Amino acid sequence: MREYNGIEYQYSSNHPEKAIGVITNILGFTPLASDLNYSLNFYSSGSGIDDCLAIYCRYGTADWPAIAQALRLKHVSEVPGDTDWHEAWLGLLDAEGMAGVPVQPLFQFINQHRHAFQPPADACWEVFFSNESDVNSWCVVWRNDSHLNYLYFDQG
């Protein structure tokens, strides 16, 4: 349970020992500290929450099912099949009225929000969103066969 104490908690890659437990709880597996970069900012008060999280790490194929489950990930190709979510998701990408998966707005959205330690998203990466991500709360993961990038935003 969160404490709405008005204190901002910040963790950065400079002190992995302080945040590895938090990252493990988020991702559903424990990444190696030697190949890990992150910026975690948590804030909650009586007026709401404002969380902005970014992680880049190595993962193994055996870790992926736990990650996908922990983050409730859906491949972007699955989003158009959920009519209600698809509309909200297109709004998140600033791609209202477009059909299917709007590739250019998708990569533009990720690259606009990514941190400097995360590589740009392009067609070389497989992209996933947490189920029902929208403008107020979203999570995007882009991965290749060895590394994943995680971005999370929640404001409310």
C-alpha atoms as a PDB file:
ATOM      1  CA  MET A   1       0.000   0.000   0.000  1.00  0.00           C
ATOM      2  CA  ARG A   2       1.304   3.450  -0.855  1.00  0.00           C
ATOM      3  CA  GLU A   3       1.780   6.175   1.681  1.00  0.00           C
ATOM      4  CA  TYR A   4       0.317   9.482   0.526  1.00  0.00           C
ATOM      5  CA  ASN A   5       2.964  11.453   2.396  1.00  0.00           C
ATOM      6  CA  GLY A   6       3.935  14.060  -0.213  1.00  0.00           C
ATOM      7  CA  ILE A   7       7.507  12.743  -0.393  1.00  0.00           C
ATOM      8  CA  GLU A   8       9.111  12.147  -3.774  1.00  0.00           C
ATOM      9  CA  TYR A   9      11.182   8.979  -3.971  1.00  0.00           C
ATOM     10  CA  GLN A  10      13.891   8.919  -6.643  1.00  0.00           C
ATOM     11  CA  TYR A  11      16.188   6.077  -7.593  1.00  0.00           C
ATOM     12  CA  SER A  12      18.819   6.233 -10.324  1.00  0.00           C
ATOM     13  CA  SER A  13      21.423   3.893 -11.757  1.00  0.00           C
ATOM     14  CA  ASN A  14      24.045   5.358  -9.428  1.00  0.00           C
ATOM     15  CA  HIS A  15      22.827   3.206  -6.514  1.00  0.00           C
ATOM     16  CA  PRO A  16      21.516  -0.179  -7.777  1.00  0.00           C
ATOM     17  CA  GLU A  17      21.594  -1.768  -4.324  1.00  0.00           C
ATOM     18  CA  LYS A  18      18.850   0.631  -3.207  1.00  0.00           C
ATOM     19  CA  ALA A  19      16.469  -0.095  -6.068  1.00  0.00           C
ATOM     20  CA  ILE A  20      17.025  -3.678  -7.222  1.00  0.00           C
ATOM     21  CA  GLY A  21      14.170  -4.927  -5.011  1.00  0.00           C
ATOM     22  CA  VAL A  22      11.817  -2.287  -6.428  1.00  0.00           C
ATOM     23  CA  ILE A  23      12.832  -3.176  -9.998  1.00  0.00           C
ATOM     24  CA  THR A  24      12.374  -6.889  -9.296  1.00  0.00           C
ATOM     25  CA  ASN A  25       8.848  -6.210  -8.007  1.00  0.00           C
ATOM     26  CA  ILE A  26       8.037  -4.131 -11.085  1.00  0.00           C
ATOM     27  CA  LEU A  27       9.453  -6.411 -13.786  1.00  0.00           C
ATOM     28  CA  GLY A  28       8.794  -9.796 -12.191  1.00  0.00           C
ATOM     29  CA  PHE A  29      12.446 -10.903 -12.362  1.00  0.00           C
ATOM     30  CA  THR A  30      15.797  -9.743 -10.991  1.00  0.00           C
ATOM     31  CA  PRO A  31      18.025  -8.177 -13.654  1.00  0.00           C
ATOM     32  CA  LEU A  32      21.793  -8.159 -13.313  1.00  0.00           C
ATOM     33  CA  ALA A  33      23.024  -4.893 -11.810  1.00  0.00           C
ATOM     34  CA  SER A  34      25.989  -4.929 -14.220  1.00  0.00           C
ATOM     35  CA  ASP A  35      23.735  -4.345 -17.251  1.00  0.00           C
ATOM     36  CA  LEU A  36      21.033  -2.153 -15.740  1.00  0.00           C
ATOM     37  CA  ASN A  37      20.119   1.511 -16.113  1.00  0.00           C
ATOM     38  CA  TYR A  38      17.061   3.111 -14.609  1.00  0.00           C
ATOM     39  CA  SER A  39      15.332   6.211 -13.348  1.00  0.00           C
ATOM     40  CA  LEU A  40      12.459   5.700 -10.916  1.00  0.00           C
ATOM     41  CA  ASN A  41      10.449   8.636  -9.580  1.00  0.00           C
ATOM     42  CA  PHE A  42       7.508   7.982  -7.263  1.00  0.00           C
ATOM     43  CA  TYR A  43       5.347  10.692  -5.720  1.00  0.00           C
ATOM     44  CA  SER A  44       2.070  10.471  -3.848  1.00  0.00           C
ATOM     45  CA  SER A  45       0.167  12.927  -1.725  1.00  0.00           C
ATOM     46  CA  GLY A  46      -3.401  13.765  -0.843  1.00  0.00           C
ATOM     47  CA  SER A  47      -3.757  15.256  -4.322  1.00  0.00           C
ATOM     48  CA  GLY A  48      -2.831  11.989  -6.088  1.00  0.00           C
ATOM     49  CA  ILE A  49       0.138  10.215  -7.586  1.00  0.00           C
ATOM     50  CA  ASP A  50       2.739  11.031 -10.212  1.00  0.00           C
ATOM     51  CA  ASP A  51       5.039   8.140 -11.120  1.00  0.00           C
ATOM     52  CA  CYS A  52       7.560   8.143 -13.974  1.00  0.00           C
ATOM     53  CA  LEU A  53       9.723   5.048 -14.365  1.00  0.00           C
ATOM     54  CA  ALA A  54      12.299   3.985 -16.960  1.00  0.00           C
ATOM     55  CA  ILE A  55      14.399   0.814 -17.036  1.00  0.00           C
ATOM     56  CA  TYR A  56      16.865  -0.706 -19.495  1.00  0.00           C
ATOM     57  CA  CYS A  57      18.204  -4.188 -18.737  1.00  0.00           C
ATOM     58  CA  ARG A  58      19.341  -7.535 -20.055  1.00  0.00           C
ATOM     59  CA  TYR A  59      16.893 -10.413 -19.718  1.00  0.00           C
ATOM     60  CA  GLY A  60      16.828 -14.070 -20.693  1.00  0.00           C
ATOM     61  CA  THR A  61      14.212 -15.866 -22.737  1.00  0.00           C
ATOM     62  CA  ALA A  62      13.229 -17.819 -19.639  1.00  0.00           C
ATOM     63  CA  ASP A  63      12.486 -14.487 -17.858  1.00  0.00           C
ATOM     64  CA  TRP A  64      10.035 -13.239 -20.496  1.00  0.00           C
ATOM     65  CA  PRO A  65       6.862 -15.092 -19.362  1.00  0.00           C
ATOM     66  CA  ALA A  66       7.227 -13.675 -15.828  1.00  0.00           C
ATOM     67  CA  ILE A  67       7.844 -10.181 -17.201  1.00  0.00           C
ATOM     68  CA  ALA A  68       4.854 -10.325 -19.560  1.00  0.00           C
ATOM     69  CA  GLN A  69       2.617 -11.542 -16.749  1.00  0.00           C
ATOM     70  CA  ALA A  70       3.865  -9.065 -14.130  1.00  0.00           C
ATOM     71  CA  LEU A  71       3.337  -6.124 -16.488  1.00  0.00           C
ATOM     72  CA  ARG A  72       0.140  -7.520 -18.109  1.00  0.00           C
ATOM     73  CA  LEU A  73       1.715  -6.960 -21.521  1.00  0.00           C
ATOM     74  CA  LYS A  74      -0.054  -7.199 -24.851  1.00  0.00           C
ATOM     75  CA  HIS A  75       1.790  -7.120 -28.153  1.00  0.00           C
ATOM     76  CA  VAL A  76       0.808  -4.028 -30.150  1.00  0.00           C
ATOM     77  CA  SER A  77      -0.726  -6.292 -32.803  1.00  0.00           C
ATOM     78  CA  GLU A  78      -3.329  -7.358 -30.198  1.00  0.00           C
ATOM     79  CA  VAL A  79      -4.556  -3.840 -29.407  1.00  0.00           C
ATOM     80  CA  PRO A  80      -6.798  -3.343 -32.477  1.00  0.00           C
ATOM     81  CA  GLY A  81      -8.717  -6.493 -31.464  1.00  0.00           C
ATOM     82  CA  ASP A  82      -9.965  -4.723 -28.318  1.00  0.00           C
ATOM     83  CA  THR A  83     -12.279  -2.059 -29.735  1.00  0.00           C
ATOM     84  CA  ASP A  84     -12.659  -0.007 -26.539  1.00  0.00           C
ATOM     85  CA  TRP A  85      -8.973  -0.057 -25.670  1.00  0.00           C
ATOM     86  CA  HIS A  86      -7.870   0.561 -29.264  1.00  0.00           C
ATOM     87  CA  GLU A  87      -9.607   3.935 -29.299  1.00  0.00           C
ATOM     88  CA  ALA A  88      -8.012   5.026 -25.993  1.00  0.00           C
ATOM     89  CA  TRP A  89      -4.631   3.696 -27.143  1.00  0.00           C
ATOM     90  CA  LEU A  90      -4.811   5.678 -30.377  1.00  0.00           C
ATOM     91  CA  GLY A  91      -5.520   8.763 -28.238  1.00  0.00           C
ATOM     92  CA  LEU A  92      -2.402   7.999 -26.193  1.00  0.00           C
ATOM     93  CA  LEU A  93      -0.338   7.845 -29.397  1.00  0.00           C
ATOM     94  CA  ASP A  94      -1.990  10.997 -30.757  1.00  0.00           C
ATOM     95  CA  ALA A  95      -3.192   8.885 -33.672  1.00  0.00           C
ATOM     96  CA  GLU A  96      -6.974   9.207 -33.398  1.00  0.00           C
ATOM     97  CA  GLY A  97      -8.867   7.919 -36.400  1.00  0.00           C
ATOM     98  CA  MET A  98      -6.043   5.704 -37.660  1.00  0.00           C
ATOM     99  CA  ALA A  99      -6.690   1.998 -38.186  1.00  0.00           C
ATOM    100  CA  GLY A 100      -4.671  -0.923 -36.888  1.00  0.00           C
ATOM    101  CA  VAL A 101      -1.245  -0.240 -35.413  1.00  0.00           C
ATOM    102  CA  PRO A 102       0.005   3.209 -36.493  1.00  0.00           C
ATOM    103  CA  VAL A 103       3.723   2.453 -36.730  1.00  0.00           C
ATOM    104  CA  GLN A 104       5.073   5.985 -37.121  1.00  0.00           C
ATOM    105  CA  PRO A 105       3.051   7.467 -34.199  1.00  0.00           C
ATOM    106  CA  LEU A 106       3.951   4.400 -32.105  1.00  0.00           C
ATOM    107  CA  PHE A 107       7.710   4.904 -32.481  1.00  0.00           C
ATOM    108  CA  GLN A 108       7.347   8.666 -32.163  1.00  0.00           C
ATOM    109  CA  PHE A 109       5.508   8.225 -28.836  1.00  0.00           C
ATOM    110  CA  ILE A 110       8.163   5.903 -27.418  1.00  0.00           C
ATOM    111  CA  ASN A 111      11.081   8.004 -28.626  1.00  0.00           C
ATOM    112  CA  GLN A 112       9.531  11.173 -27.241  1.00  0.00           C
ATOM    113  CA  HIS A 113       9.255   9.633 -23.751  1.00  0.00           C
ATOM    114  CA  ARG A 114      12.326   7.390 -23.565  1.00  0.00           C
ATOM    115  CA  HIS A 115      15.330   8.291 -21.419  1.00  0.00           C
ATOM    116  CA  ALA A 116      18.800   8.912 -22.824  1.00  0.00           C
ATOM    117  CA  PHE A 117      20.015   5.513 -21.576  1.00  0.00           C
ATOM    118  CA  GLN A 118      17.304   3.739 -23.606  1.00  0.00           C
ATOM    119  CA  PRO A 119      17.887   3.122 -27.315  1.00  0.00           C
ATOM    120  CA  PRO A 120      15.409   4.601 -29.782  1.00  0.00           C
ATOM    121  CA  ALA A 121      12.504   2.380 -30.760  1.00  0.00           C
ATOM    122  CA  ASP A 122      12.252   1.324 -34.388  1.00  0.00           C
ATOM    123  CA  ALA A 123      11.254  -1.727 -36.421  1.00  0.00           C
ATOM    124  CA  CYS A 124      14.137  -3.745 -34.903  1.00  0.00           C
ATOM    125  CA  TRP A 125      12.309  -3.858 -31.562  1.00  0.00           C
ATOM    126  CA  GLU A 126       9.196  -5.781 -30.575  1.00  0.00           C
ATOM    127  CA  VAL A 127       6.718  -3.488 -28.782  1.00  0.00           C
ATOM    128  CA  PHE A 128       4.223  -4.248 -26.004  1.00  0.00           C
ATOM    129  CA  PHE A 129       1.865  -2.147 -23.879  1.00  0.00           C
ATOM    130  CA  SER A 130       0.292  -2.968 -20.555  1.00  0.00           C
ATOM    131  CA  ASN A 131      -3.310  -3.929 -21.002  1.00  0.00           C
ATOM    132  CA  GLU A 132      -5.603  -0.894 -21.203  1.00  0.00           C
ATOM    133  CA  SER A 133      -2.825   1.730 -21.189  1.00  0.00           C
ATOM    134  CA  ASP A 134      -4.285   5.195 -21.754  1.00  0.00           C
ATOM    135  CA  VAL A 135      -3.305   8.859 -21.400  1.00  0.00           C
ATOM    136  CA  ASN A 136      -3.436   8.778 -17.580  1.00  0.00           C
ATOM    137  CA  SER A 137      -1.620   5.515 -16.965  1.00  0.00           C
ATOM    138  CA  TRP A 138       0.534   3.621 -19.434  1.00  0.00           C
ATOM    139  CA  CYS A 139       3.386   1.183 -19.697  1.00  0.00           C
ATOM    140  CA  VAL A 140       5.340   0.391 -22.848  1.00  0.00           C
ATOM    141  CA  VAL A 141       8.080  -2.211 -23.300  1.00  0.00           C
ATOM    142  CA  TRP A 142      10.253  -2.580 -26.369  1.00  0.00           C
ATOM    143  CA  ARG A 143      12.588  -5.540 -26.541  1.00  0.00           C
ATOM    144  CA  ASN A 144      14.959  -7.533 -28.684  1.00  0.00           C
ATOM    145  CA  ASP A 145      16.324 -10.996 -27.943  1.00  0.00           C
ATOM    146  CA  SER A 146      18.614  -9.805 -25.115  1.00  0.00           C
ATOM    147  CA  HIS A 147      17.501  -6.418 -23.749  1.00  0.00           C
ATOM    148  CA  LEU A 148      14.279  -4.760 -22.766  1.00  0.00           C
ATOM    149  CA  ASN A 149      13.282  -1.169 -22.227  1.00  0.00           C
ATOM    150  CA  TYR A 150      10.467  -0.249 -19.880  1.00  0.00           C
ATOM    151  CA  LEU A 151       8.629   3.055 -19.551  1.00  0.00           C
ATOM    152  CA  TYR A 152       5.795   3.680 -17.118  1.00  0.00           C
ATOM    153  CA  PHE A 153       3.723   6.745 -16.395  1.00  0.00           C
ATOM    154  CA  ASP A 154       0.855   7.084 -13.948  1.00  0.00           C
ATOM    155  CA  GLN A 155      -0.790  10.314 -12.930  1.00  0.00           C
ATOM    156  CA  GLY A 156      -3.998  10.590 -11.075  1.00  0.00           C
END
